[in-house]
Amino acid sequence: MRALLAITCGTVGATFVTAAAITTLLFAFAGHAGELALAAFVVAEWSLAFGFVFLVIAFLAHAGGVLEPINPGTEDPLDV
């Protein structure tokens, strides 16, 4: 199937888009469009929750000075 899509579509990105479109249409024609929409909603919800938690952790780490240099006044011995 991947070879057929690659021959039909050309690039890898176009192959992914075509495969997603075919899968979506097959779900809709089989009468499972509601389940596909629910799955997409759940994936989006989890992705947003993960992104929010990552943002909070990164913000707290920056506020706590995690990325600050330990000895800012010393020179690097390799720069001599």
N, C-alpha and C. Protein backbone atom coordinates (compact mmCIF):
# COMPACT_ATOMS: atom_id res chain seq x y z
N MET A 1 0.83 -1.19 0.00
CA MET A 1 0.00 0.00 0.00
C MET A 1 0.88 1.25 0.00
N ARG A 2 1.99 1.22 0.74
CA ARG A 2 2.87 2.38 0.80
C ARG A 2 3.49 2.65 -0.57
N ALA A 3 3.88 1.62 -1.27
CA ALA A 3 4.45 1.80 -2.60
C ALA A 3 3.41 2.38 -3.56
N LEU A 4 2.18 1.90 -3.47
CA LEU A 4 1.10 2.42 -4.32
C LEU A 4 0.88 3.91 -4.03
N LEU A 5 0.84 4.27 -2.76
CA LEU A 5 0.66 5.67 -2.42
C LEU A 5 1.85 6.52 -2.86
N ALA A 6 3.06 5.99 -2.74
CA ALA A 6 4.24 6.73 -3.16
C ALA A 6 4.24 6.96 -4.67
N ILE A 7 3.82 5.96 -5.41
CA ILE A 7 3.73 6.11 -6.87
C ILE A 7 2.63 7.10 -7.23
N THR A 8 1.50 7.02 -6.54
CA THR A 8 0.36 7.87 -6.85
C THR A 8 0.60 9.31 -6.42
N CYS A 9 1.13 9.51 -5.23
CA CYS A 9 1.22 10.85 -4.65
C CYS A 9 2.57 11.52 -4.89
N GLY A 10 3.63 10.76 -4.88
CA GLY A 10 4.94 11.34 -5.10
C GLY A 10 5.74 11.47 -3.82
N THR A 11 5.54 12.55 -3.09
CA THR A 11 6.37 12.82 -1.92
C THR A 11 5.85 12.09 -0.69
N VAL A 12 6.68 12.07 0.35
CA VAL A 12 6.30 11.40 1.59
C VAL A 12 5.16 12.14 2.27
N GLY A 13 5.23 13.46 2.31
CA GLY A 13 4.17 14.24 2.93
C GLY A 13 2.84 14.06 2.24
N ALA A 14 2.86 14.06 0.92
CA ALA A 14 1.62 13.84 0.18
C ALA A 14 1.08 12.44 0.41
N THR A 15 1.97 11.48 0.59
CA THR A 15 1.54 10.11 0.88
C THR A 15 0.83 10.05 2.22
N PHE A 16 1.37 10.73 3.23
CA PHE A 16 0.73 10.75 4.54
C PHE A 16 -0.64 11.41 4.49
N VAL A 17 -0.73 12.52 3.77
CA VAL A 17 -2.01 13.23 3.67
C VAL A 17 -3.03 12.36 2.93
N THR A 18 -2.61 11.70 1.87
CA THR A 18 -3.52 10.84 1.12
C THR A 18 -3.98 9.66 1.97
N ALA A 19 -3.06 9.06 2.71
CA ALA A 19 -3.43 7.94 3.57
C ALA A 19 -4.40 8.39 4.66
N ALA A 20 -4.18 9.56 5.23
CA ALA A 20 -5.10 10.08 6.24
C ALA A 20 -6.47 10.37 5.64
N ALA A 21 -6.50 10.91 4.43
CA ALA A 21 -7.78 11.19 3.76
C ALA A 21 -8.53 9.90 3.45
N ILE A 22 -7.82 8.89 2.96
CA ILE A 22 -8.46 7.61 2.66
C ILE A 22 -9.01 6.97 3.93
N THR A 23 -8.23 7.01 5.01
CA THR A 23 -8.69 6.44 6.28
C THR A 23 -9.91 7.18 6.80
N THR A 24 -9.90 8.50 6.71
CA THR A 24 -11.04 9.29 7.18
C THR A 24 -12.29 8.98 6.36
N LEU A 25 -12.13 8.89 5.05
CA LEU A 25 -13.29 8.57 4.21
C LEU A 25 -13.82 7.16 4.48
N LEU A 26 -12.93 6.21 4.69
CA LEU A 26 -13.38 4.85 5.00
C LEU A 26 -14.13 4.81 6.33
N PHE A 27 -13.66 5.53 7.34
CA PHE A 27 -14.38 5.60 8.61
C PHE A 27 -15.76 6.21 8.40
N ALA A 28 -15.83 7.30 7.62
CA ALA A 28 -17.11 7.97 7.40
C ALA A 28 -18.08 7.08 6.63
N PHE A 29 -17.59 6.40 5.58
CA PHE A 29 -18.46 5.54 4.79
C PHE A 29 -18.92 4.31 5.57
N ALA A 30 -18.11 3.87 6.53
CA ALA A 30 -18.49 2.72 7.35
C ALA A 30 -19.43 3.11 8.49
N GLY A 31 -19.68 4.38 8.65
CA GLY A 31 -20.61 4.84 9.68
C GLY A 31 -19.95 5.08 11.03
N HIS A 32 -18.63 5.23 11.05
CA HIS A 32 -17.92 5.43 12.31
C HIS A 32 -17.27 6.82 12.37
N ALA A 33 -17.89 7.80 11.75
CA ALA A 33 -17.33 9.15 11.75
C ALA A 33 -17.35 9.75 13.15
N GLY A 34 -18.37 9.40 13.94
CA GLY A 34 -18.45 9.92 15.30
C GLY A 34 -17.32 9.41 16.18
N GLU A 35 -16.98 8.13 16.03
CA GLU A 35 -15.88 7.57 16.80
C GLU A 35 -14.55 8.19 16.38
N LEU A 36 -14.38 8.45 15.09
CA LEU A 36 -13.15 9.09 14.61
C LEU A 36 -13.04 10.51 15.14
N ALA A 37 -14.14 11.24 15.15
CA ALA A 37 -14.13 12.60 15.69
C ALA A 37 -13.83 12.59 17.18
N LEU A 38 -14.40 11.62 17.91
CA LEU A 38 -14.13 11.51 19.34
C LEU A 38 -12.66 11.18 19.59
N ALA A 39 -12.10 10.28 18.79
CA ALA A 39 -10.69 9.94 18.93
C ALA A 39 -9.80 11.15 18.65
N ALA A 40 -10.13 11.93 17.62
CA ALA A 40 -9.36 13.13 17.31
C ALA A 40 -9.47 14.15 18.45
N PHE A 41 -10.64 14.26 19.04
CA PHE A 41 -10.83 15.18 20.16
C PHE A 41 -10.00 14.75 21.37
N VAL A 42 -10.00 13.46 21.66
CA VAL A 42 -9.23 12.95 22.81
C VAL A 42 -7.74 13.15 22.58
N VAL A 43 -7.26 12.89 21.37
CA VAL A 43 -5.85 13.11 21.07
C VAL A 43 -5.49 14.59 21.21
N ALA A 44 -6.33 15.47 20.72
CA ALA A 44 -6.08 16.90 20.84
C ALA A 44 -6.10 17.34 22.30
N GLU A 45 -7.02 16.79 23.08
CA GLU A 45 -7.11 17.12 24.50
C GLU A 45 -5.85 16.69 25.25
N TRP A 46 -5.38 15.47 25.00
CA TRP A 46 -4.16 14.99 25.65
C TRP A 46 -2.94 15.79 25.21
N SER A 47 -2.89 16.15 23.94
CA SER A 47 -1.76 16.94 23.45
C SER A 47 -1.73 18.32 24.10
N LEU A 48 -2.88 18.95 24.23
CA LEU A 48 -2.94 20.25 24.88
C LEU A 48 -2.58 20.15 26.36
N ALA A 49 -3.04 19.09 27.02
CA ALA A 49 -2.70 18.91 28.44
C ALA A 49 -1.20 18.69 28.60
N PHE A 50 -0.60 17.87 27.74
CA PHE A 50 0.84 17.64 27.80
C PHE A 50 1.60 18.95 27.55
N GLY A 51 1.18 19.70 26.55
CA GLY A 51 1.83 20.97 26.25
C GLY A 51 1.73 21.95 27.40
N PHE A 52 0.57 22.00 28.06
CA PHE A 52 0.40 22.91 29.19
C PHE A 52 1.30 22.50 30.36
N VAL A 53 1.35 21.21 30.67
CA VAL A 53 2.21 20.74 31.77
C VAL A 53 3.67 21.01 31.44
N PHE A 54 4.09 20.75 30.20
CA PHE A 54 5.46 21.03 29.80
C PHE A 54 5.77 22.51 29.92
N LEU A 55 4.84 23.37 29.53
CA LEU A 55 5.02 24.81 29.63
C LEU A 55 5.18 25.25 31.08
N VAL A 56 4.36 24.71 31.96
CA VAL A 56 4.44 25.06 33.38
C VAL A 56 5.78 24.62 33.97
N ILE A 57 6.22 23.39 33.64
CA ILE A 57 7.50 22.90 34.15
C ILE A 57 8.65 23.75 33.61
N ALA A 58 8.62 24.09 32.34
CA ALA A 58 9.68 24.92 31.76
C ALA A 58 9.69 26.31 32.39
N PHE A 59 8.52 26.87 32.63
CA PHE A 59 8.43 28.19 33.26
C PHE A 59 8.98 28.16 34.68
N LEU A 60 8.60 27.15 35.45
CA LEU A 60 9.10 27.03 36.82
C LEU A 60 10.60 26.78 36.85
N ALA A 61 11.10 25.99 35.92
CA ALA A 61 12.55 25.73 35.86
C ALA A 61 13.30 27.01 35.52
N HIS A 62 12.77 27.79 34.61
CA HIS A 62 13.43 29.06 34.26
C HIS A 62 13.37 30.04 35.43
N ALA A 63 12.23 30.09 36.10
CA ALA A 63 12.09 30.98 37.25
C ALA A 63 13.00 30.55 38.39
N GLY A 64 13.24 29.26 38.53
CA GLY A 64 14.11 28.75 39.58
C GLY A 64 15.59 28.86 39.25
N GLY A 65 15.92 29.27 38.06
CA GLY A 65 17.31 29.45 37.68
C GLY A 65 18.03 28.18 37.30
N VAL A 66 17.32 27.22 36.77
CA VAL A 66 17.94 25.94 36.41
C VAL A 66 18.96 26.12 35.29
N LEU A 67 18.73 27.04 34.38
CA LEU A 67 19.62 27.20 33.24
C LEU A 67 20.73 28.22 33.47
N GLU A 68 20.80 28.78 34.66
CA GLU A 68 21.85 29.75 34.95
C GLU A 68 23.19 29.04 35.11
N PRO A 69 24.29 29.68 34.70
CA PRO A 69 25.61 29.04 34.87
C PRO A 69 25.98 28.93 36.35
N ILE A 70 26.70 27.88 36.70
CA ILE A 70 27.07 27.64 38.09
C ILE A 70 28.11 28.65 38.55
N ASN A 71 29.17 28.84 37.78
CA ASN A 71 30.24 29.79 38.09
C ASN A 71 30.35 30.81 36.96
N PRO A 72 29.55 31.87 36.98
CA PRO A 72 29.58 32.79 35.85
C PRO A 72 30.84 33.63 35.77
N GLY A 73 31.61 33.76 36.87
CA GLY A 73 32.79 34.62 36.85
C GLY A 73 34.04 33.93 36.36
N THR A 74 34.07 32.61 36.30
CA THR A 74 35.29 31.92 35.90
C THR A 74 35.38 31.78 34.40
N GLU A 75 36.61 31.73 33.91
CA GLU A 75 36.82 31.54 32.48
C GLU A 75 36.92 30.08 32.15
N ASP A 76 36.59 29.76 30.93
CA ASP A 76 36.72 28.40 30.47
C ASP A 76 38.20 28.11 30.20
N PRO A 77 38.76 27.00 30.73
CA PRO A 77 40.19 26.73 30.53
C PRO A 77 40.55 26.51 29.06
N LEU A 78 39.60 26.17 28.24
CA LEU A 78 39.91 25.94 26.82
C LEU A 78 40.01 27.25 26.05
N ASP A 79 39.51 28.36 26.61
CA ASP A 79 39.57 29.65 25.92
C ASP A 79 40.89 30.39 26.12
N VAL A 80 41.82 29.85 26.88
CA VAL A 80 43.08 30.55 27.20
C VAL A 80 43.99 30.57 26.01
